[in-house]
Amino acid sequence: MIDLGLPLGDAGINLGMVSADYSTANALQDPHRLDARFLSSLVNKHSTGLSVLAAPGEFPSFQPTVEAIDKLIEIARQNFSYVVVDAGSRIDLMDSTLFDESSIVYLITQVGISELRNSNRLISRYFSLRMRSLQIVINRYTPKMLLFDDSQIAKALTRPANWKIPDDYATARRTENSGSPIALDDSPISIALRQMARAACGIGEEKTKKRGFSLFRK
């Protein structure tokens, strides 16, 4: 997992990895030095076995170039079976190869007027020619509490959502405060996340309840 939600990425914190020794800043500051061996020395191992290149704990003193980001993604793809990138809200990464070469791009939104409007704008501007790789995820989905029905939501998003993550504030807040990955919990949210991960990896639906941490496709 690579956190490119600079400068305020929090993937490492959400995984309980508060004090990572190295970050994406180390990888992107000197791209000429970046190779498989250097990358392996920068990633931190989560207890699940996940390799994490977290965002820096402080504001970077430099602006990473698109070329540096492209090289980091290329090397990660060559050396890991699955690569997950947290791009945050960085529209500037559209100029990199990240979105062009991704197997799946997840656009995460919520059902609200501003959220649906902005999602429509992003889809129309950047994904009209890449619809096969785009999957829309509606977060905090509570059908009975929504002002719009599914047909109205699909019209606003130009297509139906692929995934709906149920609204379970108590679980989300508890895992956030404990620094434990929510995918490892037994909750409606974790079930949905594991279904997404298994689908991304081409694995069938989970038959029995298992605690695990699945990764997404390159």
N, C-alpha and C. Protein backbone atom coordinates (compact mmCIF):
# COMPACT_ATOMS: atom_id res chain seq x y z
N MET A 1 0.84 -1.20 0.00
CA MET A 1 0.00 0.00 0.00
C MET A 1 0.87 1.25 0.00
N ILE A 2 0.56 2.15 -0.90
CA ILE A 2 1.30 3.41 -1.01
C ILE A 2 0.34 4.56 -0.75
N ASP A 3 0.67 5.41 0.19
CA ASP A 3 -0.17 6.55 0.53
C ASP A 3 0.36 7.79 -0.20
N LEU A 4 -0.35 8.18 -1.24
CA LEU A 4 0.03 9.38 -1.99
C LEU A 4 -0.90 10.55 -1.67
N GLY A 5 -1.65 10.44 -0.58
CA GLY A 5 -2.52 11.54 -0.17
C GLY A 5 -1.73 12.64 0.51
N LEU A 6 -0.69 13.09 -0.15
CA LEU A 6 0.19 14.10 0.43
C LEU A 6 -0.51 15.47 0.45
N PRO A 7 -0.20 16.30 1.45
CA PRO A 7 0.75 16.04 2.53
C PRO A 7 0.11 15.48 3.79
N LEU A 8 -1.17 15.16 3.75
CA LEU A 8 -1.88 14.79 4.97
C LEU A 8 -2.44 13.37 4.92
N GLY A 9 -1.74 12.46 4.27
CA GLY A 9 -2.20 11.09 4.19
C GLY A 9 -2.23 10.42 5.56
N ASP A 10 -3.24 9.58 5.79
CA ASP A 10 -3.39 8.97 7.11
C ASP A 10 -3.58 7.45 7.03
N ALA A 11 -3.18 6.83 5.93
CA ALA A 11 -3.33 5.38 5.79
C ALA A 11 -2.56 4.64 6.88
N GLY A 12 -1.33 5.08 7.15
CA GLY A 12 -0.51 4.44 8.18
C GLY A 12 -1.15 4.53 9.55
N ILE A 13 -1.68 5.69 9.89
CA ILE A 13 -2.33 5.88 11.19
C ILE A 13 -3.55 4.98 11.31
N ASN A 14 -4.33 4.89 10.24
CA ASN A 14 -5.53 4.06 10.28
C ASN A 14 -5.19 2.58 10.39
N LEU A 15 -3.97 2.23 10.05
CA LEU A 15 -3.53 0.85 10.21
C LEU A 15 -2.81 0.63 11.53
N GLY A 16 -2.75 1.66 12.36
CA GLY A 16 -2.07 1.56 13.65
C GLY A 16 -0.57 1.70 13.56
N MET A 17 -0.06 2.17 12.42
CA MET A 17 1.38 2.32 12.22
C MET A 17 1.73 3.80 12.38
N VAL A 18 1.77 4.25 13.61
CA VAL A 18 1.92 5.67 13.90
C VAL A 18 3.33 6.17 13.65
N SER A 19 4.32 5.35 13.95
CA SER A 19 5.72 5.81 13.89
C SER A 19 6.50 5.08 12.81
N ALA A 20 6.09 5.25 11.56
CA ALA A 20 6.82 4.66 10.45
C ALA A 20 8.17 5.35 10.28
N ASP A 21 9.21 4.55 10.07
CA ASP A 21 10.57 5.12 9.95
C ASP A 21 10.75 5.88 8.64
N TYR A 22 10.12 5.39 7.58
CA TYR A 22 10.28 6.03 6.27
C TYR A 22 8.91 6.26 5.65
N SER A 23 8.89 7.07 4.61
CA SER A 23 7.61 7.46 4.01
C SER A 23 7.77 7.65 2.50
N THR A 24 6.67 8.04 1.87
CA THR A 24 6.72 8.33 0.45
C THR A 24 7.67 9.48 0.14
N ALA A 25 7.89 10.36 1.10
CA ALA A 25 8.82 11.47 0.88
C ALA A 25 10.23 10.95 0.61
N ASN A 26 10.64 9.91 1.32
CA ASN A 26 11.97 9.33 1.10
C ASN A 26 12.07 8.71 -0.29
N ALA A 27 10.98 8.12 -0.75
CA ALA A 27 10.99 7.48 -2.06
C ALA A 27 10.97 8.49 -3.20
N LEU A 28 10.26 9.60 -2.99
CA LEU A 28 10.04 10.55 -4.08
C LEU A 28 11.06 11.68 -4.12
N GLN A 29 11.83 11.84 -3.06
CA GLN A 29 12.77 12.97 -3.00
C GLN A 29 13.93 12.78 -3.97
N ASP A 30 14.37 11.52 -4.13
CA ASP A 30 15.49 11.25 -5.02
C ASP A 30 15.13 10.07 -5.93
N PRO A 31 14.33 10.31 -6.96
CA PRO A 31 13.86 9.21 -7.81
C PRO A 31 14.97 8.46 -8.54
N HIS A 32 16.12 9.12 -8.75
CA HIS A 32 17.23 8.44 -9.44
C HIS A 32 17.80 7.31 -8.59
N ARG A 33 17.60 7.38 -7.29
CA ARG A 33 18.10 6.35 -6.39
C ARG A 33 17.09 5.21 -6.22
N LEU A 34 15.88 5.45 -6.65
CA LEU A 34 14.78 4.52 -6.38
C LEU A 34 14.88 3.27 -7.25
N ASP A 35 14.99 2.14 -6.59
CA ASP A 35 14.93 0.85 -7.27
C ASP A 35 14.28 -0.14 -6.32
N ALA A 36 14.21 -1.40 -6.71
CA ALA A 36 13.51 -2.41 -5.91
C ALA A 36 14.12 -2.55 -4.53
N ARG A 37 15.44 -2.55 -4.44
CA ARG A 37 16.10 -2.72 -3.15
C ARG A 37 15.84 -1.52 -2.24
N PHE A 38 15.91 -0.34 -2.81
CA PHE A 38 15.67 0.87 -2.00
C PHE A 38 14.22 0.91 -1.52
N LEU A 39 13.29 0.56 -2.40
CA LEU A 39 11.88 0.56 -2.01
C LEU A 39 11.62 -0.44 -0.89
N SER A 40 12.23 -1.62 -0.97
CA SER A 40 12.03 -2.63 0.07
C SER A 40 12.56 -2.17 1.41
N SER A 41 13.54 -1.28 1.40
CA SER A 41 14.09 -0.77 2.66
C SER A 41 13.22 0.33 3.27
N LEU A 42 12.32 0.89 2.46
CA LEU A 42 11.48 1.99 2.93
C LEU A 42 10.13 1.53 3.48
N VAL A 43 9.61 0.42 2.96
CA VAL A 43 8.28 -0.01 3.38
C VAL A 43 8.31 -0.56 4.80
N ASN A 44 7.20 -0.39 5.49
CA ASN A 44 7.04 -0.93 6.84
C ASN A 44 6.06 -2.09 6.78
N LYS A 45 6.33 -3.13 7.56
CA LYS A 45 5.48 -4.32 7.57
C LYS A 45 4.40 -4.21 8.63
N HIS A 46 3.16 -4.35 8.19
CA HIS A 46 2.05 -4.43 9.14
C HIS A 46 1.96 -5.85 9.67
N SER A 47 1.31 -6.04 10.80
CA SER A 47 1.21 -7.36 11.41
C SER A 47 0.49 -8.37 10.52
N THR A 48 -0.31 -7.87 9.58
CA THR A 48 -1.02 -8.76 8.65
C THR A 48 -0.13 -9.24 7.51
N GLY A 49 1.07 -8.64 7.39
CA GLY A 49 1.95 -8.96 6.28
C GLY A 49 1.93 -7.91 5.19
N LEU A 50 1.04 -6.94 5.30
CA LEU A 50 0.95 -5.86 4.32
C LEU A 50 2.16 -4.95 4.39
N SER A 51 2.76 -4.66 3.24
CA SER A 51 3.87 -3.71 3.15
C SER A 51 3.29 -2.32 2.92
N VAL A 52 3.68 -1.37 3.75
CA VAL A 52 3.07 -0.04 3.71
C VAL A 52 4.15 1.03 3.52
N LEU A 53 3.94 1.87 2.52
CA LEU A 53 4.77 3.07 2.37
C LEU A 53 3.86 4.24 2.73
N ALA A 54 3.99 4.70 3.96
CA ALA A 54 3.06 5.69 4.51
C ALA A 54 3.41 7.10 4.04
N ALA A 55 2.47 8.01 4.23
CA ALA A 55 2.72 9.42 3.97
C ALA A 55 3.62 9.97 5.07
N PRO A 56 4.38 11.02 4.80
CA PRO A 56 5.29 11.56 5.82
C PRO A 56 4.52 12.16 6.99
N GLY A 57 5.15 12.15 8.16
CA GLY A 57 4.52 12.70 9.35
C GLY A 57 4.56 14.22 9.40
N GLU A 58 5.40 14.81 8.56
CA GLU A 58 5.50 16.27 8.49
C GLU A 58 5.33 16.70 7.04
N PHE A 59 5.05 18.00 6.84
CA PHE A 59 4.91 18.50 5.48
C PHE A 59 6.22 18.35 4.73
N PRO A 60 6.21 17.76 3.53
CA PRO A 60 7.44 17.63 2.75
C PRO A 60 8.00 19.00 2.39
N SER A 61 9.30 19.07 2.30
CA SER A 61 9.96 20.32 1.95
C SER A 61 10.16 20.47 0.45
N PHE A 62 9.58 19.55 -0.32
CA PHE A 62 9.72 19.59 -1.77
C PHE A 62 8.41 19.13 -2.40
N GLN A 63 8.26 19.40 -3.69
CA GLN A 63 7.07 18.98 -4.44
C GLN A 63 7.44 17.81 -5.33
N PRO A 64 6.92 16.62 -5.06
CA PRO A 64 7.27 15.45 -5.89
C PRO A 64 6.89 15.68 -7.34
N THR A 65 7.74 15.23 -8.24
CA THR A 65 7.45 15.36 -9.66
C THR A 65 6.59 14.20 -10.14
N VAL A 66 5.93 14.40 -11.25
CA VAL A 66 5.14 13.33 -11.85
C VAL A 66 6.04 12.17 -12.23
N GLU A 67 7.25 12.48 -12.70
CA GLU A 67 8.19 11.44 -13.08
C GLU A 67 8.57 10.57 -11.89
N ALA A 68 8.75 11.19 -10.73
CA ALA A 68 9.10 10.43 -9.52
C ALA A 68 7.94 9.52 -9.11
N ILE A 69 6.72 10.03 -9.19
CA ILE A 69 5.56 9.23 -8.84
C ILE A 69 5.41 8.06 -9.81
N ASP A 70 5.60 8.32 -11.09
CA ASP A 70 5.49 7.26 -12.10
C ASP A 70 6.52 6.16 -11.83
N LYS A 71 7.73 6.55 -11.47
CA LYS A 71 8.77 5.55 -11.22
C LYS A 71 8.45 4.73 -9.98
N LEU A 72 7.95 5.38 -8.94
CA LEU A 72 7.59 4.66 -7.72
C LEU A 72 6.51 3.62 -8.02
N ILE A 73 5.48 4.00 -8.75
CA ILE A 73 4.41 3.07 -9.08
C ILE A 73 4.93 1.93 -9.96
N GLU A 74 5.78 2.25 -10.90
CA GLU A 74 6.33 1.22 -11.79
C GLU A 74 7.13 0.18 -11.02
N ILE A 75 7.98 0.63 -10.12
CA ILE A 75 8.81 -0.30 -9.35
C ILE A 75 7.95 -1.13 -8.40
N ALA A 76 6.96 -0.50 -7.81
CA ALA A 76 6.06 -1.23 -6.91
C ALA A 76 5.33 -2.33 -7.68
N ARG A 77 4.86 -2.03 -8.86
CA ARG A 77 4.14 -3.02 -9.67
C ARG A 77 5.05 -4.18 -10.08
N GLN A 78 6.30 -3.89 -10.30
CA GLN A 78 7.23 -4.93 -10.72
C GLN A 78 7.61 -5.87 -9.57
N ASN A 79 7.46 -5.40 -8.33
CA ASN A 79 7.99 -6.17 -7.21
C ASN A 79 6.92 -6.65 -6.23
N PHE A 80 5.66 -6.28 -6.44
CA PHE A 80 4.58 -6.76 -5.58
C PHE A 80 3.45 -7.29 -6.45
N SER A 81 2.83 -8.34 -5.98
CA SER A 81 1.73 -8.94 -6.75
C SER A 81 0.53 -8.03 -6.81
N TYR A 82 0.29 -7.29 -5.72
CA TYR A 82 -0.85 -6.39 -5.65
C TYR A 82 -0.37 -5.05 -5.09
N VAL A 83 -0.85 -3.98 -5.71
CA VAL A 83 -0.48 -2.64 -5.26
C VAL A 83 -1.75 -1.81 -5.08
N VAL A 84 -1.91 -1.27 -3.87
CA VAL A 84 -3.03 -0.38 -3.57
C VAL A 84 -2.47 1.02 -3.34
N VAL A 85 -3.05 2.00 -4.01
CA VAL A 85 -2.58 3.38 -3.86
C VAL A 85 -3.73 4.22 -3.33
N ASP A 86 -3.49 4.89 -2.22
CA ASP A 86 -4.44 5.86 -1.68
C ASP A 86 -4.08 7.21 -2.28
N ALA A 87 -4.90 7.66 -3.22
CA ALA A 87 -4.62 8.92 -3.90
C ALA A 87 -5.32 10.12 -3.26
N GLY A 88 -6.11 9.86 -2.21
CA GLY A 88 -6.79 10.96 -1.55
C GLY A 88 -7.66 11.73 -2.53
N SER A 89 -7.56 13.04 -2.49
CA SER A 89 -8.33 13.91 -3.40
C SER A 89 -7.43 14.61 -4.40
N ARG A 90 -6.31 13.98 -4.73
CA ARG A 90 -5.31 14.63 -5.56
C ARG A 90 -5.63 14.51 -7.04
N ILE A 91 -6.31 15.50 -7.56
CA ILE A 91 -6.63 15.52 -8.99
C ILE A 91 -5.37 15.66 -9.83
N ASP A 92 -4.32 16.27 -9.26
CA ASP A 92 -3.09 16.46 -10.02
C ASP A 92 -2.45 15.13 -10.42
N LEU A 93 -2.79 14.04 -9.74
CA LEU A 93 -2.22 12.74 -10.10
C LEU A 93 -2.81 12.21 -11.39
N MET A 94 -3.83 12.86 -11.92
CA MET A 94 -4.38 12.47 -13.22
C MET A 94 -3.34 12.61 -14.32
N ASP A 95 -2.32 13.42 -14.08
CA ASP A 95 -1.26 13.60 -15.07
C ASP A 95 -0.21 12.50 -15.01
N SER A 96 -0.31 11.64 -14.01
CA SER A 96 0.64 10.54 -13.87
C SER A 96 0.08 9.29 -14.55
N THR A 97 0.88 8.21 -14.55
CA THR A 97 0.43 6.96 -15.15
C THR A 97 -0.45 6.15 -14.21
N LEU A 98 -0.63 6.64 -13.01
CA LEU A 98 -1.38 5.89 -11.99
C LEU A 98 -2.76 5.48 -12.48
N PHE A 99 -3.51 6.42 -13.03
CA PHE A 99 -4.88 6.14 -13.44
C PHE A 99 -4.94 5.44 -14.79
N ASP A 100 -3.98 5.72 -15.66
CA ASP A 100 -3.99 5.10 -16.98
C ASP A 100 -3.75 3.59 -16.90
N GLU A 101 -2.90 3.16 -15.98
CA GLU A 101 -2.49 1.77 -15.93
C GLU A 101 -3.14 0.98 -14.80
N SER A 102 -4.02 1.60 -14.04
CA SER A 102 -4.67 0.90 -12.94
C SER A 102 -5.69 -0.09 -13.46
N SER A 103 -5.75 -1.26 -12.82
CA SER A 103 -6.79 -2.22 -13.16
C SER A 103 -8.14 -1.73 -12.68
N ILE A 104 -8.16 -1.14 -11.49
CA ILE A 104 -9.39 -0.64 -10.92
C ILE A 104 -9.13 0.71 -10.26
N VAL A 105 -10.00 1.65 -10.51
CA VAL A 105 -9.98 2.94 -9.82
C VAL A 105 -11.27 3.05 -9.03
N TYR A 106 -11.14 3.27 -7.73
CA TYR A 106 -12.32 3.42 -6.87
C TYR A 106 -12.58 4.89 -6.61
N LEU A 107 -13.74 5.35 -7.01
CA LEU A 107 -14.17 6.71 -6.70
C LEU A 107 -15.11 6.62 -5.51
N ILE A 108 -14.70 7.15 -4.38
CA ILE A 108 -15.48 7.04 -3.15
C ILE A 108 -16.24 8.33 -2.92
N THR A 109 -17.54 8.20 -2.74
CA THR A 109 -18.38 9.37 -2.56
C THR A 109 -19.47 9.08 -1.54
N GLN A 110 -20.30 10.03 -1.27
CA GLN A 110 -21.45 9.88 -0.39
C GLN A 110 -22.67 10.48 -1.07
N VAL A 111 -23.84 10.17 -0.53
CA VAL A 111 -25.07 10.65 -1.13
C VAL A 111 -25.43 12.00 -0.51
N GLY A 112 -25.04 13.03 -1.19
CA GLY A 112 -25.34 14.41 -0.80
C GLY A 112 -25.26 15.25 -2.05
N ILE A 113 -25.88 16.40 -2.06
CA ILE A 113 -25.92 17.21 -3.27
C ILE A 113 -24.52 17.58 -3.74
N SER A 114 -23.67 18.08 -2.85
CA SER A 114 -22.34 18.50 -3.26
C SER A 114 -21.48 17.30 -3.66
N GLU A 115 -21.60 16.19 -2.91
CA GLU A 115 -20.80 15.00 -3.21
C GLU A 115 -21.17 14.42 -4.58
N LEU A 116 -22.46 14.32 -4.85
CA LEU A 116 -22.89 13.77 -6.14
C LEU A 116 -22.53 14.70 -7.28
N ARG A 117 -22.64 15.99 -7.05
CA ARG A 117 -22.26 16.95 -8.10
C ARG A 117 -20.78 16.84 -8.43
N ASN A 118 -19.94 16.81 -7.39
CA ASN A 118 -18.50 16.73 -7.62
C ASN A 118 -18.11 15.39 -8.25
N SER A 119 -18.78 14.32 -7.85
CA SER A 119 -18.50 13.02 -8.45
C SER A 119 -18.86 13.03 -9.93
N ASN A 120 -19.99 13.64 -10.27
CA ASN A 120 -20.39 13.75 -11.67
C ASN A 120 -19.35 14.51 -12.47
N ARG A 121 -18.84 15.57 -11.89
CA ARG A 121 -17.82 16.38 -12.59
C ARG A 121 -16.55 15.58 -12.81
N LEU A 122 -16.12 14.83 -11.81
CA LEU A 122 -14.91 14.02 -11.94
C LEU A 122 -15.08 12.93 -12.99
N ILE A 123 -16.23 12.25 -12.94
CA ILE A 123 -16.48 11.18 -13.89
C ILE A 123 -16.53 11.71 -15.32
N SER A 124 -17.25 12.80 -15.52
CA SER A 124 -17.39 13.37 -16.86
C SER A 124 -16.06 13.89 -17.39
N ARG A 125 -15.24 14.45 -16.50
CA ARG A 125 -13.99 15.06 -16.95
C ARG A 125 -12.87 14.04 -17.14
N TYR A 126 -12.76 13.07 -16.24
CA TYR A 126 -11.59 12.21 -16.26
C TYR A 126 -11.85 10.74 -16.60
N PHE A 127 -13.10 10.30 -16.49
CA PHE A 127 -13.34 8.87 -16.64
C PHE A 127 -14.32 8.50 -17.75
N SER A 128 -14.69 9.44 -18.58
CA SER A 128 -15.64 9.14 -19.64
C SER A 128 -15.09 8.09 -20.61
N LEU A 129 -13.77 8.03 -20.75
CA LEU A 129 -13.14 7.06 -21.65
C LEU A 129 -12.54 5.88 -20.90
N ARG A 130 -12.69 5.86 -19.57
CA ARG A 130 -12.09 4.78 -18.77
C ARG A 130 -13.15 4.14 -17.87
N MET A 131 -14.34 4.03 -18.35
CA MET A 131 -15.43 3.56 -17.50
C MET A 131 -15.25 2.12 -17.06
N ARG A 132 -14.54 1.32 -17.86
CA ARG A 132 -14.37 -0.08 -17.49
C ARG A 132 -13.54 -0.24 -16.22
N SER A 133 -12.58 0.66 -16.01
CA SER A 133 -11.72 0.54 -14.83
C SER A 133 -12.28 1.25 -13.61
N LEU A 134 -13.30 2.09 -13.81
CA LEU A 134 -13.85 2.87 -12.71
C LEU A 134 -14.92 2.09 -11.97
N GLN A 135 -14.81 2.09 -10.64
CA GLN A 135 -15.85 1.52 -9.80
C GLN A 135 -16.23 2.57 -8.76
N ILE A 136 -17.53 2.83 -8.65
CA ILE A 136 -18.03 3.85 -7.74
C ILE A 136 -18.42 3.21 -6.43
N VAL A 137 -17.93 3.81 -5.35
CA VAL A 137 -18.21 3.32 -4.00
C VAL A 137 -18.98 4.39 -3.24
N ILE A 138 -20.17 4.04 -2.78
CA ILE A 138 -20.94 4.97 -1.95
C ILE A 138 -20.67 4.65 -0.49
N ASN A 139 -20.08 5.58 0.20
CA ASN A 139 -19.74 5.39 1.61
C ASN A 139 -20.88 5.85 2.51
N ARG A 140 -20.98 5.25 3.70
CA ARG A 140 -21.99 5.61 4.70
C ARG A 140 -23.39 5.54 4.10
N TYR A 141 -23.67 4.43 3.45
CA TYR A 141 -24.94 4.25 2.75
C TYR A 141 -26.03 3.79 3.72
N THR A 142 -27.07 4.58 3.83
CA THR A 142 -28.23 4.26 4.67
C THR A 142 -29.49 4.52 3.86
N PRO A 143 -30.03 3.50 3.19
CA PRO A 143 -31.15 3.70 2.26
C PRO A 143 -32.33 4.45 2.86
N LYS A 144 -32.71 4.14 4.09
CA LYS A 144 -33.91 4.73 4.68
C LYS A 144 -33.72 6.21 5.02
N MET A 145 -32.47 6.65 5.08
CA MET A 145 -32.20 8.03 5.49
C MET A 145 -31.89 8.94 4.30
N LEU A 146 -31.89 8.39 3.08
CA LEU A 146 -31.47 9.18 1.92
C LEU A 146 -32.62 10.00 1.35
N LEU A 147 -32.24 11.15 0.78
CA LEU A 147 -33.22 12.02 0.13
C LEU A 147 -33.43 11.61 -1.31
N PHE A 148 -32.55 10.73 -1.85
CA PHE A 148 -32.62 10.33 -3.24
C PHE A 148 -32.73 8.81 -3.32
N ASP A 149 -33.45 8.32 -4.33
CA ASP A 149 -33.51 6.88 -4.51
C ASP A 149 -32.37 6.44 -5.43
N ASP A 150 -32.26 5.12 -5.62
CA ASP A 150 -31.13 4.58 -6.38
C ASP A 150 -31.11 5.07 -7.82
N SER A 151 -32.27 5.25 -8.43
CA SER A 151 -32.31 5.71 -9.81
C SER A 151 -31.80 7.15 -9.93
N GLN A 152 -32.12 7.98 -8.95
CA GLN A 152 -31.64 9.36 -8.96
C GLN A 152 -30.14 9.42 -8.72
N ILE A 153 -29.65 8.55 -7.83
CA ILE A 153 -28.22 8.49 -7.55
C ILE A 153 -27.47 8.04 -8.80
N ALA A 154 -27.99 7.02 -9.48
CA ALA A 154 -27.35 6.51 -10.69
C ALA A 154 -27.33 7.57 -11.78
N LYS A 155 -28.39 8.35 -11.89
CA LYS A 155 -28.45 9.41 -12.89
C LYS A 155 -27.40 10.48 -12.59
N ALA A 156 -27.25 10.83 -11.33
CA ALA A 156 -26.27 11.85 -10.95
C ALA A 156 -24.85 11.37 -11.20
N LEU A 157 -24.62 10.07 -10.98
CA LEU A 157 -23.27 9.50 -11.15
C LEU A 157 -23.02 9.01 -12.56
N THR A 158 -24.01 9.12 -13.44
CA THR A 158 -23.98 8.66 -14.83
C THR A 158 -24.04 7.14 -14.94
N ARG A 159 -24.11 6.43 -13.83
CA ARG A 159 -24.15 4.96 -13.81
C ARG A 159 -24.44 4.50 -12.39
N PRO A 160 -24.93 3.28 -12.21
CA PRO A 160 -25.18 2.79 -10.85
C PRO A 160 -23.86 2.60 -10.10
N ALA A 161 -23.93 2.72 -8.80
CA ALA A 161 -22.75 2.49 -7.97
C ALA A 161 -22.43 1.00 -7.95
N ASN A 162 -21.13 0.69 -7.90
CA ASN A 162 -20.70 -0.71 -7.85
C ASN A 162 -20.74 -1.27 -6.44
N TRP A 163 -20.48 -0.39 -5.46
CA TRP A 163 -20.40 -0.85 -4.07
C TRP A 163 -21.08 0.15 -3.15
N LYS A 164 -21.68 -0.37 -2.09
CA LYS A 164 -22.32 0.48 -1.09
C LYS A 164 -21.83 0.04 0.28
N ILE A 165 -21.11 0.93 0.94
CA ILE A 165 -20.56 0.64 2.27
C ILE A 165 -21.57 1.13 3.31
N PRO A 166 -22.10 0.23 4.13
CA PRO A 166 -23.14 0.64 5.08
C PRO A 166 -22.62 1.62 6.12
N ASP A 167 -23.51 2.44 6.60
CA ASP A 167 -23.16 3.42 7.62
C ASP A 167 -23.13 2.73 8.99
N ASP A 168 -21.95 2.58 9.55
CA ASP A 168 -21.77 1.96 10.86
C ASP A 168 -20.79 2.82 11.63
N TYR A 169 -21.28 3.95 12.10
CA TYR A 169 -20.41 4.96 12.72
C TYR A 169 -19.68 4.41 13.93
N ALA A 170 -20.35 3.63 14.75
CA ALA A 170 -19.74 3.14 15.98
C ALA A 170 -18.51 2.28 15.67
N THR A 171 -18.63 1.37 14.70
CA THR A 171 -17.51 0.52 14.33
C THR A 171 -16.38 1.33 13.71
N ALA A 172 -16.74 2.23 12.81
CA ALA A 172 -15.72 3.04 12.15
C ALA A 172 -14.95 3.89 13.16
N ARG A 173 -15.66 4.46 14.11
CA ARG A 173 -15.02 5.31 15.12
C ARG A 173 -14.14 4.49 16.05
N ARG A 174 -14.61 3.31 16.41
CA ARG A 174 -13.83 2.45 17.31
C ARG A 174 -12.53 1.99 16.66
N THR A 175 -12.59 1.57 15.42
CA THR A 175 -11.38 1.10 14.75
C THR A 175 -10.43 2.26 14.46
N GLU A 176 -10.99 3.44 14.19
CA GLU A 176 -10.15 4.61 13.94
C GLU A 176 -9.38 4.99 15.21
N ASN A 177 -10.05 4.96 16.34
CA ASN A 177 -9.40 5.33 17.60
C ASN A 177 -8.40 4.28 18.07
N SER A 178 -8.65 3.02 17.71
CA SER A 178 -7.75 1.96 18.15
C SER A 178 -6.61 1.71 17.17
N GLY A 179 -6.71 2.28 15.96
CA GLY A 179 -5.68 2.06 14.96
C GLY A 179 -5.70 0.65 14.41
N SER A 180 -6.84 0.00 14.47
CA SER A 180 -6.98 -1.37 13.96
C SER A 180 -7.68 -1.33 12.61
N PRO A 181 -7.16 -2.02 11.59
CA PRO A 181 -7.81 -1.99 10.27
C PRO A 181 -9.25 -2.46 10.35
N ILE A 182 -10.14 -1.68 9.80
CA ILE A 182 -11.56 -2.01 9.90
C ILE A 182 -11.89 -3.29 9.13
N ALA A 183 -11.06 -3.64 8.14
CA ALA A 183 -11.32 -4.85 7.36
C ALA A 183 -11.14 -6.11 8.20
N LEU A 184 -10.43 -6.01 9.32
CA LEU A 184 -10.21 -7.18 10.18
C LEU A 184 -11.32 -7.35 11.20
N ASP A 185 -12.19 -6.37 11.29
CA ASP A 185 -13.28 -6.44 12.26
C ASP A 185 -14.43 -7.25 11.69
N ASP A 186 -15.30 -7.75 12.54
CA ASP A 186 -16.51 -8.42 12.09
C ASP A 186 -17.67 -7.44 12.17
N SER A 187 -17.98 -6.82 11.06
CA SER A 187 -19.01 -5.79 11.01
C SER A 187 -19.54 -5.71 9.59
N PRO A 188 -20.67 -5.05 9.38
CA PRO A 188 -21.18 -4.87 8.01
C PRO A 188 -20.17 -4.16 7.10
N ILE A 189 -19.41 -3.22 7.65
CA ILE A 189 -18.41 -2.52 6.84
C ILE A 189 -17.32 -3.48 6.39
N SER A 190 -16.79 -4.27 7.33
CA SER A 190 -15.70 -5.19 7.00
C SER A 190 -16.14 -6.23 5.98
N ILE A 191 -17.38 -6.68 6.07
CA ILE A 191 -17.89 -7.65 5.10
C ILE A 191 -17.88 -7.05 3.70
N ALA A 192 -18.33 -5.80 3.59
CA ALA A 192 -18.35 -5.13 2.29
C ALA A 192 -16.94 -4.92 1.76
N LEU A 193 -16.01 -4.54 2.62
CA LEU A 193 -14.63 -4.31 2.20
C LEU A 193 -13.98 -5.60 1.73
N ARG A 194 -14.23 -6.68 2.43
CA ARG A 194 -13.64 -7.96 2.02
C ARG A 194 -14.24 -8.44 0.70
N GLN A 195 -15.51 -8.16 0.47
CA GLN A 195 -16.11 -8.50 -0.81
C GLN A 195 -15.45 -7.72 -1.94
N MET A 196 -15.18 -6.43 -1.70
CA MET A 196 -14.50 -5.62 -2.70
C MET A 196 -13.11 -6.16 -2.99
N ALA A 197 -12.38 -6.51 -1.95
CA ALA A 197 -11.01 -7.00 -2.12
C ALA A 197 -10.99 -8.31 -2.88
N ARG A 198 -11.90 -9.22 -2.53
CA ARG A 198 -11.95 -10.51 -3.21
C ARG A 198 -12.33 -10.35 -4.68
N ALA A 199 -13.25 -9.44 -4.96
CA ALA A 199 -13.64 -9.19 -6.34
C ALA A 199 -12.47 -8.61 -7.13
N ALA A 200 -11.72 -7.70 -6.53
CA ALA A 200 -10.58 -7.09 -7.20
C ALA A 200 -9.49 -8.12 -7.51
N CYS A 201 -9.36 -9.11 -6.65
CA CYS A 201 -8.34 -10.15 -6.84
C CYS A 201 -8.86 -11.32 -7.67
N GLY A 202 -10.12 -11.27 -8.10
CA GLY A 202 -10.67 -12.35 -8.89
C GLY A 202 -10.98 -13.59 -8.09
N ILE A 203 -11.26 -13.41 -6.80
CA ILE A 203 -11.57 -14.53 -5.91
C ILE A 203 -13.08 -14.54 -5.67
N GLY A 204 -13.65 -15.74 -5.58
CA GLY A 204 -15.08 -15.86 -5.36
C GLY A 204 -15.50 -15.32 -4.02
N GLU A 205 -16.79 -15.24 -3.81
CA GLU A 205 -17.31 -14.71 -2.56
C GLU A 205 -16.92 -15.59 -1.38
N GLU A 206 -16.75 -14.95 -0.24
CA GLU A 206 -16.35 -15.63 0.97
C GLU A 206 -17.47 -16.55 1.44
N LYS A 207 -17.14 -17.84 1.58
CA LYS A 207 -18.15 -18.82 1.98
C LYS A 207 -18.36 -18.85 3.48
N THR A 208 -17.28 -18.71 4.22
CA THR A 208 -17.38 -18.74 5.68
C THR A 208 -16.72 -17.51 6.24
N LYS A 209 -17.02 -17.22 7.49
CA LYS A 209 -16.43 -16.04 8.13
C LYS A 209 -14.97 -16.31 8.44
N LYS A 210 -14.12 -15.51 7.86
CA LYS A 210 -12.69 -15.63 8.11
C LYS A 210 -12.13 -14.25 8.36
N ARG A 211 -11.18 -14.20 9.25
CA ARG A 211 -10.50 -12.93 9.50
C ARG A 211 -9.31 -12.87 8.58
N GLY A 212 -9.26 -11.82 7.77
CA GLY A 212 -8.15 -11.73 6.84
C GLY A 212 -8.02 -10.33 6.29
N PHE A 213 -6.97 -10.13 5.54
CA PHE A 213 -6.72 -8.80 4.98
C PHE A 213 -6.36 -9.00 3.51
N SER A 214 -7.30 -8.70 2.64
CA SER A 214 -7.10 -8.91 1.21
C SER A 214 -6.57 -7.64 0.57
N LEU A 215 -5.86 -7.83 -0.53
CA LEU A 215 -5.28 -6.69 -1.24
C LEU A 215 -5.90 -6.60 -2.63
N PHE A 216 -5.65 -5.47 -3.26
CA PHE A 216 -6.25 -5.24 -4.56
C PHE A 216 -5.25 -5.49 -5.67
N ARG A 217 -5.79 -5.52 -6.86
CA ARG A 217 -4.99 -5.84 -8.04
C ARG A 217 -3.99 -4.76 -8.36
N LYS A 218 -2.93 -5.19 -9.10
CA LYS A 218 -1.94 -4.24 -9.53
C LYS A 218 -2.59 -3.09 -10.27
